[in-house]
Amino acid sequence: MQPGQAFHLNYSASYEVHKSLRFGFNGYWLQQTADHRINDLAIPDSKERTVGLGPGIQVGGNGIWLHLNSYLETGVRNRPSGIKVTLRITKALPPGKG
C-alpha cells in the first residue's frame, strides 16, 4: 500500500501568564490530496482529512520547555478519530562560537 500525498498545517496562539508559563489554543489541519494506492492502482475515495483543535500549555525556562497540547478532532474522513494528546520537550542549544 502506498499512502497518498497530503498537506499538513499546524497553528497556535498563546498568552504569557508568567515568564515561565503560557496558555493557548492550537490545532492542525490534514488534507490528503491523492488517493491511497495498492499495486499501483488508486483506491477511490480513500483521501484522509481531519482538523484538530484544543488547548495547550507551555511551562519552562532556562532553555528547556515542556509543551502539552490536547486536540479534539473534527471533520474526520477515512481515518481514526478522537482526542489526541501530545507532549513535547524543547531544549535551546547555546549559540556556536564564530
C-alpha atoms as a PDB file:
ATOM      1  CA  MET A   1       0.000   0.000   0.000  1.00  0.00           C
ATOM      2  CA  GLN A   2       1.223   3.496  -0.879  1.00  0.00           C
ATOM      3  CA  PRO A   3      -0.348   6.383   1.085  1.00  0.00           C
ATOM      4  CA  GLY A   4      -1.407   9.379  -0.997  1.00  0.00           C
ATOM      5  CA  GLN A   5       0.251  12.791  -0.838  1.00  0.00           C
ATOM      6  CA  ALA A   6      -1.059  15.121   1.889  1.00  0.00           C
ATOM      7  CA  PHE A   7      -0.908  18.724   3.080  1.00  0.00           C
ATOM      8  CA  HIS A   8      -0.476  19.365   6.827  1.00  0.00           C
ATOM      9  CA  LEU A   9      -0.607  22.648   8.770  1.00  0.00           C
ATOM     10  CA  ASN A  10      -0.036  23.374  12.498  1.00  0.00           C
ATOM     11  CA  TYR A  11      -1.095  26.606  14.192  1.00  0.00           C
ATOM     12  CA  SER A  12      -1.155  28.075  17.695  1.00  0.00           C
ATOM     13  CA  ALA A  13      -1.703  31.226  19.705  1.00  0.00           C
ATOM     14  CA  SER A  14      -0.796  31.690  23.360  1.00  0.00           C
ATOM     15  CA  TYR A  15      -0.849  34.185  26.208  1.00  0.00           C
ATOM     16  CA  GLU A  16       2.035  34.624  28.639  1.00  0.00           C
ATOM     17  CA  VAL A  17       0.631  34.312  32.175  1.00  0.00           C
ATOM     18  CA  HIS A  18       4.065  34.356  33.799  1.00  0.00           C
ATOM     19  CA  LYS A  19       7.629  34.406  32.479  1.00  0.00           C
ATOM     20  CA  SER A  20       7.720  30.593  32.511  1.00  0.00           C
ATOM     21  CA  LEU A  21       4.040  29.809  31.778  1.00  0.00           C
ATOM     22  CA  ARG A  22       1.889  30.210  28.664  1.00  0.00           C
ATOM     23  CA  PHE A  23      -1.679  29.053  27.956  1.00  0.00           C
ATOM     24  CA  GLY A  24      -3.047  28.889  24.471  1.00  0.00           C
ATOM     25  CA  PHE A  25      -5.143  27.438  21.699  1.00  0.00           C
ATOM     26  CA  ASN A  26      -3.656  25.257  18.993  1.00  0.00           C
ATOM     27  CA  GLY A  27      -4.605  22.995  16.178  1.00  0.00           C
ATOM     28  CA  TYR A  28      -3.750  21.211  12.987  1.00  0.00           C
ATOM     29  CA  TRP A  29      -5.275  20.509   9.608  1.00  0.00           C
ATOM     30  CA  LEU A  30      -4.547  17.497   7.410  1.00  0.00           C
ATOM     31  CA  GLN A  31      -5.894  17.076   3.895  1.00  0.00           C
ATOM     32  CA  GLN A  32      -4.769  14.225   1.689  1.00  0.00           C
ATOM     33  CA  THR A  33      -4.537  15.368  -1.931  1.00  0.00           C
ATOM     34  CA  ALA A  34      -4.139  11.983  -3.659  1.00  0.00           C
ATOM     35  CA  ASP A  35      -5.849   8.626  -3.040  1.00  0.00           C
ATOM     36  CA  HIS A  36      -4.010   5.686  -1.477  1.00  0.00           C
ATOM     37  CA  ARG A  37      -2.696   3.124  -3.955  1.00  0.00           C
ATOM     38  CA  ILE A  38      -2.398  -0.664  -3.817  1.00  0.00           C
ATOM     39  CA  ASN A  39      -0.387  -2.452  -6.514  1.00  0.00           C
ATOM     40  CA  ASP A  40      -0.173   0.920  -8.272  1.00  0.00           C
ATOM     41  CA  LEU A  41      -3.989   1.174  -8.508  1.00  0.00           C
ATOM     42  CA  ALA A  42      -5.755   4.099  -6.857  1.00  0.00           C
ATOM     43  CA  ILE A  43      -8.271   3.295  -4.105  1.00  0.00           C
ATOM     44  CA  PRO A  44     -11.264   5.558  -4.844  1.00  0.00           C
ATOM     45  CA  ASP A  45     -12.476   7.861  -2.042  1.00  0.00           C
ATOM     46  CA  SER A  46      -9.541   6.998   0.263  1.00  0.00           C
ATOM     47  CA  LYS A  47      -8.299  10.544   0.898  1.00  0.00           C
ATOM     48  CA  GLU A  48      -7.901  11.358   4.592  1.00  0.00           C
ATOM     49  CA  ARG A  49      -8.961  14.604   6.240  1.00  0.00           C
ATOM     50  CA  THR A  50      -9.069  15.924   9.792  1.00  0.00           C
ATOM     51  CA  VAL A  51      -8.974  19.131  11.814  1.00  0.00           C
ATOM     52  CA  GLY A  52      -7.747  19.035  15.430  1.00  0.00           C
ATOM     53  CA  LEU A  53      -8.475  21.901  17.835  1.00  0.00           C
ATOM     54  CA  GLY A  54      -7.719  22.308  21.531  1.00  0.00           C
ATOM     55  CA  PRO A  55      -5.957  23.914  24.480  1.00  0.00           C
ATOM     56  CA  GLY A  56      -2.244  23.933  25.191  1.00  0.00           C
ATOM     57  CA  ILE A  57       0.159  24.816  27.970  1.00  0.00           C
ATOM     58  CA  GLN A  58       3.867  25.638  27.839  1.00  0.00           C
ATOM     59  CA  VAL A  59       5.997  25.545  31.002  1.00  0.00           C
ATOM     60  CA  GLY A  60       9.723  26.071  31.458  1.00  0.00           C
ATOM     61  CA  GLY A  61      12.657  28.401  31.373  1.00  0.00           C
ATOM     62  CA  ASN A  62      16.455  28.491  31.067  1.00  0.00           C
ATOM     63  CA  GLY A  63      16.281  26.987  27.597  1.00  0.00           C
ATOM     64  CA  ILE A  64      14.100  23.954  28.429  1.00  0.00           C
ATOM     65  CA  TRP A  65      10.357  23.969  27.682  1.00  0.00           C
ATOM     66  CA  LEU A  66       7.560  21.450  28.121  1.00  0.00           C
ATOM     67  CA  HIS A  67       4.618  21.715  25.689  1.00  0.00           C
ATOM     68  CA  LEU A  68       1.396  19.808  26.448  1.00  0.00           C
ATOM     69  CA  ASN A  69      -1.375  20.006  23.833  1.00  0.00           C
ATOM     70  CA  SER A  70      -4.746  18.329  23.526  1.00  0.00           C
ATOM     71  CA  TYR A  71      -6.761  18.130  20.303  1.00  0.00           C
ATOM     72  CA  LEU A  72     -10.375  17.189  19.640  1.00  0.00           C
ATOM     73  CA  GLU A  73     -10.614  16.053  16.035  1.00  0.00           C
ATOM     74  CA  THR A  74     -13.494  17.134  13.845  1.00  0.00           C
ATOM     75  CA  GLY A  75     -14.382  16.785  10.178  1.00  0.00           C
ATOM     76  CA  VAL A  76     -12.607  13.408  10.140  1.00  0.00           C
ATOM     77  CA  ARG A  77     -12.714  11.331   6.983  1.00  0.00           C
ATOM     78  CA  ASN A  78     -11.113   7.922   6.245  1.00  0.00           C
ATOM     79  CA  ARG A  79      -9.038   7.697   9.444  1.00  0.00           C
ATOM     80  CA  PRO A  80      -9.495   7.023  13.192  1.00  0.00           C
ATOM     81  CA  SER A  81     -10.781   9.979  15.206  1.00  0.00           C
ATOM     82  CA  GLY A  82     -10.905  11.041  18.819  1.00  0.00           C
ATOM     83  CA  ILE A  83      -8.945  13.078  21.310  1.00  0.00           C
ATOM     84  CA  LYS A  84      -5.181  13.314  20.767  1.00  0.00           C
ATOM     85  CA  VAL A  85      -2.685  14.463  23.406  1.00  0.00           C
ATOM     86  CA  THR A  86       0.930  15.373  22.665  1.00  0.00           C
ATOM     87  CA  LEU A  87       3.859  16.140  24.961  1.00  0.00           C
ATOM     88  CA  ARG A  88       6.987  17.777  23.560  1.00  0.00           C
ATOM     89  CA  ILE A  89      10.212  18.811  25.294  1.00  0.00           C
ATOM     90  CA  THR A  90      12.283  21.564  23.695  1.00  0.00           C
ATOM     91  CA  LYS A  91      15.908  22.354  24.552  1.00  0.00           C
ATOM     92  CA  ALA A  92      17.546  25.509  23.166  1.00  0.00           C
ATOM     93  CA  LEU A  93      21.186  24.978  22.305  1.00  0.00           C
ATOM     94  CA  PRO A  94      23.732  27.715  23.044  1.00  0.00           C
ATOM     95  CA  PRO A  95      24.979  29.669  20.021  1.00  0.00           C
ATOM     96  CA  GLY A  96      28.160  28.347  18.441  1.00  0.00           C
ATOM     97  CA  LYS A  97      31.410  30.263  18.574  1.00  0.00           C
ATOM     98  CA  GLY A  98      32.005  32.004  15.304  1.00  0.00           C
END
